[in-house]
């Protein structure tokens, strides 16, 4: 049933996984550079292109199986994105304090329920403005190095 792994079978497994991973990342790149006008159907086009590419590869040629795995990875990523989007739209977020809720949210893609809401940049700037001394604007000489109320630094030696 299981055979003892050796260097050759381990190397082949790693190369196969890398081929699938390269297909997945290539699908991400194609998705990122595709025009926004194709958003409604680009996942299905990429899925179809990946399946056609996988079917067209001659697996009897050297590296044919790896090329087929690349195209299957390329087809799998947009299919995963499409199915996750459908599930996210049709399954409501669950209570993240329960184990079931955490699992359902993770599977469906509602992970942002567990994440803290990041602060808006405008809020950060308002807080910074309120906490900082802006007295340099009141400096009549316009010299940013001589601030009102600043202490002079003197070198005392070693």
N, C-alpha and C. Protein backbone atom coordinates (compact mmCIF):
# COMPACT_ATOMS: atom_id res chain seq x y z
N UNK A 1 0.83 -1.18 0.00
CA UNK A 1 0.00 0.00 0.00
C UNK A 1 0.88 1.26 0.00
N UNK A 2 1.63 1.48 1.08
CA UNK A 2 2.56 2.59 1.13
C UNK A 2 3.95 2.05 0.83
N UNK A 3 4.69 2.81 0.05
CA UNK A 3 6.05 2.38 -0.17
C UNK A 3 6.99 3.34 0.55
N UNK A 4 8.14 2.83 0.89
CA UNK A 4 9.11 3.62 1.63
C UNK A 4 9.57 4.79 0.76
N UNK A 5 9.47 6.02 1.30
CA UNK A 5 9.91 7.17 0.51
C UNK A 5 11.43 7.18 0.32
N UNK A 6 11.84 7.63 -0.83
CA UNK A 6 13.26 7.80 -1.09
C UNK A 6 13.48 9.20 -1.66
N UNK A 7 14.70 9.51 -1.98
CA UNK A 7 15.04 10.86 -2.46
C UNK A 7 14.31 11.16 -3.77
N UNK A 8 14.23 10.19 -4.65
CA UNK A 8 13.60 10.43 -5.95
C UNK A 8 12.10 10.68 -5.79
N UNK A 9 11.42 9.84 -5.01
CA UNK A 9 9.97 10.04 -4.86
C UNK A 9 9.67 11.31 -4.08
N UNK A 10 10.50 11.63 -3.08
CA UNK A 10 10.32 12.88 -2.33
C UNK A 10 10.55 14.10 -3.21
N UNK A 11 11.58 14.03 -4.04
CA UNK A 11 11.85 15.14 -4.97
C UNK A 11 10.73 15.32 -5.97
N UNK A 12 10.19 14.22 -6.49
CA UNK A 12 9.07 14.31 -7.42
C UNK A 12 7.84 14.92 -6.74
N UNK A 13 7.60 14.55 -5.50
CA UNK A 13 6.46 15.12 -4.77
C UNK A 13 6.62 16.62 -4.59
N UNK A 14 7.82 17.05 -4.25
CA UNK A 14 8.08 18.49 -4.06
C UNK A 14 7.91 19.25 -5.37
N UNK A 15 8.44 18.71 -6.45
CA UNK A 15 8.32 19.37 -7.75
C UNK A 15 6.85 19.42 -8.17
N UNK A 16 6.10 18.38 -7.89
CA UNK A 16 4.67 18.37 -8.23
C UNK A 16 3.91 19.44 -7.45
N UNK A 17 4.21 19.54 -6.16
CA UNK A 17 3.56 20.58 -5.35
C UNK A 17 3.95 21.97 -5.81
N UNK A 18 5.19 22.15 -6.19
CA UNK A 18 5.63 23.45 -6.71
C UNK A 18 4.93 23.78 -8.02
N UNK A 19 4.67 22.79 -8.85
CA UNK A 19 3.97 23.03 -10.11
C UNK A 19 2.54 23.49 -9.84
N UNK A 20 1.87 22.85 -8.89
CA UNK A 20 0.51 23.28 -8.54
C UNK A 20 0.55 24.69 -7.95
N UNK A 21 1.50 24.94 -7.05
CA UNK A 21 1.63 26.27 -6.44
C UNK A 21 1.92 27.35 -7.47
N UNK A 22 2.75 27.03 -8.45
CA UNK A 22 3.04 28.01 -9.51
C UNK A 22 1.78 28.30 -10.32
N UNK A 23 0.97 27.29 -10.56
CA UNK A 23 -0.30 27.51 -11.26
C UNK A 23 -1.25 28.40 -10.47
N UNK A 24 -1.31 28.16 -9.15
CA UNK A 24 -2.17 28.97 -8.29
C UNK A 24 -1.71 30.43 -8.29
N UNK A 25 -0.40 30.66 -8.14
CA UNK A 25 0.10 32.02 -8.10
C UNK A 25 -0.02 32.71 -9.46
N UNK A 26 0.12 31.96 -10.54
CA UNK A 26 -0.08 32.53 -11.87
C UNK A 26 -1.53 32.96 -12.04
N UNK A 27 -2.46 32.17 -11.52
CA UNK A 27 -3.87 32.55 -11.57
C UNK A 27 -4.11 33.84 -10.78
N UNK A 28 -3.43 33.99 -9.64
CA UNK A 28 -3.55 35.24 -8.87
C UNK A 28 -3.07 36.43 -9.68
N UNK A 29 -1.95 36.26 -10.39
CA UNK A 29 -1.40 37.36 -11.19
C UNK A 29 -2.35 37.71 -12.33
N UNK A 30 -2.84 36.69 -13.03
CA UNK A 30 -3.77 36.94 -14.14
C UNK A 30 -5.03 37.62 -13.63
N UNK A 31 -5.51 37.19 -12.49
CA UNK A 31 -6.71 37.81 -11.91
C UNK A 31 -6.46 39.26 -11.54
N UNK A 32 -5.26 39.56 -11.04
CA UNK A 32 -4.94 40.92 -10.63
C UNK A 32 -4.81 41.87 -11.82
N UNK A 33 -4.29 41.39 -12.94
CA UNK A 33 -4.09 42.27 -14.10
C UNK A 33 -5.27 42.28 -15.06
N UNK A 34 -6.25 41.42 -14.84
CA UNK A 34 -7.43 41.39 -15.73
C UNK A 34 -8.22 42.67 -15.56
N UNK A 35 -8.81 43.17 -16.63
CA UNK A 35 -9.61 44.40 -16.53
C UNK A 35 -10.80 44.21 -15.59
N UNK A 36 -11.18 45.29 -14.92
CA UNK A 36 -12.31 45.24 -13.98
C UNK A 36 -13.61 44.85 -14.68
N UNK A 37 -13.70 45.11 -15.97
CA UNK A 37 -14.93 44.80 -16.70
C UNK A 37 -15.16 43.29 -16.80
N UNK A 38 -14.13 42.48 -16.52
CA UNK A 38 -14.29 41.03 -16.62
C UNK A 38 -14.56 40.38 -15.26
N UNK A 39 -14.77 41.17 -14.22
CA UNK A 39 -14.93 40.62 -12.87
C UNK A 39 -16.06 39.61 -12.76
N UNK A 40 -17.13 39.78 -13.52
CA UNK A 40 -18.28 38.88 -13.39
C UNK A 40 -17.97 37.47 -13.88
N UNK A 41 -17.11 37.35 -14.86
CA UNK A 41 -16.90 36.04 -15.46
C UNK A 41 -15.43 35.62 -15.54
N UNK A 42 -14.50 36.41 -15.02
CA UNK A 42 -13.08 36.07 -15.19
C UNK A 42 -12.71 34.77 -14.48
N UNK A 43 -13.31 34.48 -13.32
CA UNK A 43 -12.99 33.23 -12.63
C UNK A 43 -13.39 32.02 -13.48
N UNK A 44 -14.54 32.11 -14.13
CA UNK A 44 -14.99 30.98 -14.96
C UNK A 44 -14.13 30.85 -16.22
N UNK A 45 -13.70 31.99 -16.79
CA UNK A 45 -12.80 31.93 -17.95
C UNK A 45 -11.46 31.31 -17.58
N UNK A 46 -10.92 31.72 -16.46
CA UNK A 46 -9.64 31.18 -16.03
C UNK A 46 -9.75 29.69 -15.69
N UNK A 47 -10.85 29.31 -15.05
CA UNK A 47 -11.09 27.90 -14.74
C UNK A 47 -11.13 27.08 -16.02
N UNK A 48 -11.88 27.58 -17.01
CA UNK A 48 -11.99 26.88 -18.29
C UNK A 48 -10.64 26.80 -18.99
N UNK A 49 -9.90 27.90 -18.99
CA UNK A 49 -8.58 27.91 -19.64
C UNK A 49 -7.63 26.92 -18.97
N UNK A 50 -7.68 26.84 -17.66
CA UNK A 50 -6.83 25.90 -16.94
C UNK A 50 -7.18 24.45 -17.24
N UNK A 51 -8.49 24.16 -17.31
CA UNK A 51 -8.90 22.79 -17.64
C UNK A 51 -8.52 22.43 -19.06
N UNK A 52 -8.72 23.36 -19.99
CA UNK A 52 -8.34 23.09 -21.38
C UNK A 52 -6.83 22.89 -21.50
N UNK A 53 -6.06 23.70 -20.77
CA UNK A 53 -4.61 23.55 -20.79
C UNK A 53 -4.19 22.21 -20.22
N UNK A 54 -4.83 21.79 -19.13
CA UNK A 54 -4.49 20.49 -18.53
C UNK A 54 -4.84 19.34 -19.46
N UNK A 55 -5.96 19.47 -20.18
CA UNK A 55 -6.38 18.41 -21.10
C UNK A 55 -5.48 18.36 -22.34
N UNK A 56 -4.92 19.50 -22.71
CA UNK A 56 -4.11 19.56 -23.92
C UNK A 56 -2.67 19.06 -23.71
N UNK A 57 -2.23 18.95 -22.49
CA UNK A 57 -0.85 18.55 -22.21
C UNK A 57 -0.67 17.05 -22.46
N UNK A 58 0.39 16.73 -23.15
CA UNK A 58 0.75 15.32 -23.38
C UNK A 58 1.57 14.86 -22.18
N UNK A 59 0.99 14.03 -21.34
CA UNK A 59 1.67 13.61 -20.11
C UNK A 59 2.76 12.57 -20.36
N UNK A 60 2.85 12.06 -21.58
CA UNK A 60 3.91 11.09 -21.89
C UNK A 60 5.24 11.77 -22.19
N UNK A 61 5.21 13.05 -22.46
CA UNK A 61 6.44 13.80 -22.72
C UNK A 61 7.10 14.15 -21.40
N UNK A 62 8.41 14.43 -21.44
CA UNK A 62 9.10 14.82 -20.21
C UNK A 62 8.45 16.06 -19.58
N UNK A 63 8.23 16.02 -18.32
CA UNK A 63 7.62 17.10 -17.55
C UNK A 63 6.17 17.37 -17.94
N UNK A 64 5.56 16.48 -18.68
CA UNK A 64 4.15 16.65 -19.06
C UNK A 64 3.22 16.61 -17.86
N UNK A 65 3.53 15.70 -16.93
CA UNK A 65 2.69 15.62 -15.73
C UNK A 65 2.81 16.89 -14.90
N UNK A 66 4.00 17.45 -14.82
CA UNK A 66 4.19 18.70 -14.05
C UNK A 66 3.45 19.86 -14.72
N UNK A 67 3.48 19.90 -16.05
CA UNK A 67 2.74 20.95 -16.76
C UNK A 67 1.24 20.79 -16.53
N UNK A 68 0.77 19.54 -16.52
CA UNK A 68 -0.65 19.30 -16.27
C UNK A 68 -1.03 19.75 -14.85
N UNK A 69 -0.17 19.49 -13.89
CA UNK A 69 -0.43 19.94 -12.52
C UNK A 69 -0.43 21.46 -12.43
N UNK A 70 0.44 22.12 -13.19
CA UNK A 70 0.43 23.58 -13.23
C UNK A 70 -0.93 24.09 -13.70
N UNK A 71 -1.44 23.52 -14.79
CA UNK A 71 -2.73 23.98 -15.32
C UNK A 71 -3.88 23.64 -14.38
N UNK A 72 -3.77 22.53 -13.65
CA UNK A 72 -4.81 22.20 -12.68
C UNK A 72 -4.79 23.19 -11.51
N UNK A 73 -3.59 23.61 -11.09
CA UNK A 73 -3.50 24.65 -10.07
C UNK A 73 -4.06 25.96 -10.58
N UNK A 74 -3.78 26.27 -11.85
CA UNK A 74 -4.30 27.49 -12.48
C UNK A 74 -5.83 27.45 -12.54
N UNK A 75 -6.41 26.28 -12.78
CA UNK A 75 -7.86 26.15 -12.84
C UNK A 75 -8.48 26.12 -11.45
N UNK A 76 -7.77 25.56 -10.49
CA UNK A 76 -8.34 25.38 -9.16
C UNK A 76 -8.52 26.67 -8.38
N UNK A 77 -7.59 27.59 -8.51
CA UNK A 77 -7.66 28.83 -7.73
C UNK A 77 -8.88 29.68 -8.07
N UNK A 78 -9.19 29.95 -9.34
CA UNK A 78 -10.39 30.74 -9.62
C UNK A 78 -11.67 30.00 -9.25
N UNK A 79 -11.67 28.67 -9.38
CA UNK A 79 -12.84 27.91 -8.95
C UNK A 79 -13.04 28.05 -7.46
N UNK A 80 -11.96 27.95 -6.70
CA UNK A 80 -12.02 28.14 -5.25
C UNK A 80 -12.53 29.55 -4.92
N UNK A 81 -12.01 30.56 -5.60
CA UNK A 81 -12.47 31.94 -5.36
C UNK A 81 -13.95 32.09 -5.64
N UNK A 82 -14.41 31.52 -6.73
CA UNK A 82 -15.82 31.63 -7.10
C UNK A 82 -16.72 30.93 -6.08
N UNK A 83 -16.35 29.72 -5.70
CA UNK A 83 -17.17 28.98 -4.74
C UNK A 83 -17.15 29.62 -3.36
N UNK A 84 -16.01 30.16 -2.96
CA UNK A 84 -15.93 30.86 -1.68
C UNK A 84 -16.80 32.11 -1.70
N UNK A 85 -16.79 32.84 -2.82
CA UNK A 85 -17.64 34.02 -2.94
C UNK A 85 -19.12 33.69 -2.84
N UNK A 86 -19.53 32.60 -3.48
CA UNK A 86 -20.93 32.17 -3.41
C UNK A 86 -21.29 31.78 -1.98
N UNK A 87 -20.40 31.03 -1.32
CA UNK A 87 -20.67 30.62 0.06
C UNK A 87 -20.73 31.82 0.99
N UNK A 88 -19.84 32.78 0.79
CA UNK A 88 -19.80 33.96 1.64
C UNK A 88 -21.08 34.78 1.50
N UNK A 89 -21.62 34.83 0.29
CA UNK A 89 -22.86 35.57 0.06
C UNK A 89 -24.08 34.87 0.63
N UNK A 90 -24.04 33.54 0.73
CA UNK A 90 -25.23 32.78 1.11
C UNK A 90 -25.23 32.24 2.54
N UNK A 91 -24.11 32.33 3.23
CA UNK A 91 -24.04 31.85 4.61
C UNK A 91 -23.76 33.05 5.50
N UNK A 92 -24.62 33.25 6.48
CA UNK A 92 -24.44 34.40 7.36
C UNK A 92 -23.33 34.14 8.37
N UNK A 93 -22.65 35.19 8.81
CA UNK A 93 -21.58 35.01 9.80
C UNK A 93 -22.13 34.40 11.09
N UNK A 94 -21.32 33.53 11.67
CA UNK A 94 -21.69 32.86 12.91
C UNK A 94 -21.01 33.54 14.09
N UNK A 95 -21.46 33.20 15.29
CA UNK A 95 -20.89 33.74 16.51
C UNK A 95 -19.45 33.27 16.66
N UNK A 96 -18.46 34.18 16.62
CA UNK A 96 -17.06 33.76 16.66
C UNK A 96 -16.60 33.30 18.04
N UNK A 97 -17.44 33.40 19.06
CA UNK A 97 -17.01 32.95 20.38
C UNK A 97 -17.21 31.44 20.56
N UNK A 98 -17.93 30.79 19.65
CA UNK A 98 -18.13 29.34 19.74
C UNK A 98 -17.20 28.63 18.74
N UNK A 99 -16.93 27.37 19.02
CA UNK A 99 -16.07 26.59 18.13
C UNK A 99 -16.74 26.42 16.77
N UNK A 100 -18.03 26.13 16.77
CA UNK A 100 -18.77 25.96 15.52
C UNK A 100 -18.72 27.26 14.71
N UNK A 101 -18.91 28.38 15.37
CA UNK A 101 -18.89 29.67 14.69
C UNK A 101 -17.53 29.97 14.07
N UNK A 102 -16.46 29.66 14.81
CA UNK A 102 -15.12 29.88 14.28
C UNK A 102 -14.87 29.02 13.05
N UNK A 103 -15.29 27.76 13.11
CA UNK A 103 -15.07 26.84 12.00
C UNK A 103 -15.87 27.29 10.77
N UNK A 104 -17.14 27.60 10.95
CA UNK A 104 -17.99 28.02 9.83
C UNK A 104 -17.46 29.31 9.22
N UNK A 105 -17.11 30.28 10.05
CA UNK A 105 -16.58 31.55 9.55
C UNK A 105 -15.29 31.35 8.76
N UNK A 106 -14.43 30.46 9.25
CA UNK A 106 -13.17 30.20 8.54
C UNK A 106 -13.42 29.50 7.21
N UNK A 107 -14.33 28.54 7.19
CA UNK A 107 -14.61 27.80 5.95
C UNK A 107 -15.29 28.67 4.91
N UNK A 108 -16.18 29.53 5.34
CA UNK A 108 -16.96 30.34 4.41
C UNK A 108 -16.21 31.58 3.97
N UNK A 109 -15.33 32.09 4.82
CA UNK A 109 -14.60 33.30 4.47
C UNK A 109 -15.04 34.51 5.25
N UNK A 110 -15.67 34.28 6.38
CA UNK A 110 -16.09 35.39 7.24
C UNK A 110 -15.06 35.63 8.33
N UNK A 111 -13.78 35.46 8.02
CA UNK A 111 -12.74 35.60 9.03
C UNK A 111 -12.63 37.01 9.58
N UNK A 112 -13.07 38.00 8.82
CA UNK A 112 -12.97 39.37 9.31
C UNK A 112 -13.87 39.61 10.51
N UNK A 113 -14.79 38.69 10.81
CA UNK A 113 -15.61 38.81 12.00
C UNK A 113 -14.72 38.73 13.23
N UNK A 114 -13.66 37.91 13.17
CA UNK A 114 -12.76 37.73 14.30
C UNK A 114 -11.69 38.81 14.36
N UNK A 115 -11.47 39.50 13.28
CA UNK A 115 -10.39 40.50 13.23
C UNK A 115 -10.87 41.82 13.82
N UNK A 116 -9.92 42.54 14.40
CA UNK A 116 -10.25 43.87 14.90
C UNK A 116 -10.38 44.82 13.72
N UNK A 117 -11.26 45.78 13.85
CA UNK A 117 -11.45 46.75 12.78
C UNK A 117 -10.29 47.73 12.84
N UNK A 118 -9.54 47.87 11.73
CA UNK A 118 -8.40 48.79 11.78
C UNK A 118 -8.86 50.24 11.88
N UNK A 119 -8.03 51.03 12.51
CA UNK A 119 -8.35 52.43 12.68
C UNK A 119 -8.23 53.16 11.34
N UNK A 120 -9.11 54.10 11.10
CA UNK A 120 -9.05 54.87 9.87
C UNK A 120 -7.90 55.86 9.97
N UNK A 121 -7.21 56.12 8.86
CA UNK A 121 -6.09 57.07 8.90
C UNK A 121 -6.50 58.45 9.39
N UNK A 122 -7.71 58.89 9.07
CA UNK A 122 -8.14 60.21 9.51
C UNK A 122 -8.21 60.26 11.04
N UNK A 123 -8.68 59.19 11.68
CA UNK A 123 -8.75 59.15 13.14
C UNK A 123 -7.36 59.24 13.75
N UNK A 124 -6.41 58.54 13.15
CA UNK A 124 -5.04 58.56 13.65
C UNK A 124 -4.48 59.97 13.55
N UNK A 125 -4.71 60.64 12.42
CA UNK A 125 -4.18 61.99 12.22
C UNK A 125 -4.82 62.98 13.19
N UNK A 126 -6.11 62.82 13.47
CA UNK A 126 -6.77 63.72 14.42
C UNK A 126 -6.18 63.54 15.81
N UNK A 127 -5.93 62.29 16.21
CA UNK A 127 -5.34 62.03 17.52
C UNK A 127 -3.92 62.58 17.59
N UNK A 128 -3.15 62.43 16.50
CA UNK A 128 -1.79 62.96 16.49
C UNK A 128 -1.80 64.48 16.58
N UNK A 129 -2.70 65.10 15.84
CA UNK A 129 -2.75 66.56 15.84
C UNK A 129 -3.10 67.09 17.22
N UNK A 130 -3.96 66.39 17.94
CA UNK A 130 -4.36 66.85 19.27
C UNK A 130 -3.25 66.64 20.29
N UNK A 131 -2.36 65.68 20.05
CA UNK A 131 -1.35 65.35 21.06
C UNK A 131 0.00 66.00 20.81
N UNK A 132 0.19 66.66 19.69
CA UNK A 132 1.51 67.20 19.38
C UNK A 132 1.55 68.72 19.55
N UNK A 133 2.74 69.22 19.80
CA UNK A 133 2.96 70.66 19.94
C UNK A 133 3.27 71.22 18.55
N UNK A 134 2.38 72.07 18.06
CA UNK A 134 2.55 72.65 16.73
C UNK A 134 3.00 74.10 16.83
N UNK A 135 3.81 74.43 17.85
CA UNK A 135 4.21 75.82 18.07
C UNK A 135 5.17 76.34 17.01
N UNK A 136 5.74 75.51 16.18
CA UNK A 136 6.64 75.98 15.14
C UNK A 136 5.91 76.87 14.15
N UNK A 137 4.59 76.69 14.03
CA UNK A 137 3.82 77.54 13.13
C UNK A 137 3.75 78.97 13.65
N UNK A 138 3.93 79.12 14.98
CA UNK A 138 3.87 80.46 15.57
C UNK A 138 5.23 81.15 15.55
N UNK A 139 6.25 80.48 15.06
CA UNK A 139 7.60 81.04 15.03
C UNK A 139 7.65 82.13 13.96
N UNK A 140 7.86 83.39 14.35
CA UNK A 140 7.83 84.48 13.37
C UNK A 140 9.00 84.42 12.38
N UNK A 141 10.11 83.82 12.78
CA UNK A 141 11.27 83.79 11.89
C UNK A 141 11.10 82.72 10.81
N UNK A 142 10.18 81.80 11.01
CA UNK A 142 9.96 80.74 10.04
C UNK A 142 11.05 79.68 10.09
N UNK A 143 11.89 79.73 11.12
CA UNK A 143 12.98 78.78 11.25
C UNK A 143 12.46 77.54 11.98
N UNK A 144 12.48 76.42 11.31
CA UNK A 144 11.93 75.22 11.93
C UNK A 144 12.81 74.68 13.04
N UNK A 145 14.07 75.16 13.14
CA UNK A 145 14.99 74.64 14.14
C UNK A 145 14.89 75.39 15.47
N UNK A 146 14.32 76.59 15.46
CA UNK A 146 14.18 77.31 16.74
C UNK A 146 12.71 77.33 17.11
N UNK A 147 12.32 76.38 17.92
CA UNK A 147 10.93 76.27 18.34
C UNK A 147 10.72 77.01 19.66
N UNK A 148 9.52 77.54 19.80
CA UNK A 148 9.20 78.25 21.03
C UNK A 148 9.16 77.26 22.18
N UNK A 149 9.81 77.59 23.29
CA UNK A 149 9.77 76.74 24.48
C UNK A 149 10.74 75.58 24.43
N UNK A 150 11.55 75.44 23.35
CA UNK A 150 12.48 74.33 23.26
C UNK A 150 13.73 74.63 24.06
N UNK A 151 14.26 73.61 24.69
CA UNK A 151 15.50 73.78 25.45
C UNK A 151 16.68 73.62 24.53
N UNK A 152 17.72 74.38 24.82
CA UNK A 152 18.91 74.30 24.00
C UNK A 152 19.75 73.13 24.48
N UNK A 153 20.30 72.38 23.54
CA UNK A 153 21.12 71.22 23.86
C UNK A 153 22.58 71.66 23.85
N UNK A 154 23.30 71.32 24.89
CA UNK A 154 24.72 71.69 24.97
C UNK A 154 25.54 70.44 25.12
N UNK A 155 26.71 70.43 24.47
CA UNK A 155 27.62 69.29 24.56
C UNK A 155 28.46 69.45 25.83
N UNK A 156 28.44 68.43 26.65
CA UNK A 156 29.18 68.50 27.92
C UNK A 156 30.45 67.70 27.89
N UNK A 157 30.73 67.04 26.79
CA UNK A 157 31.94 66.26 26.67
C UNK A 157 31.74 64.82 27.12
N UNK A 158 32.85 64.11 27.12
CA UNK A 158 32.79 62.69 27.44
C UNK A 158 33.00 62.47 28.91
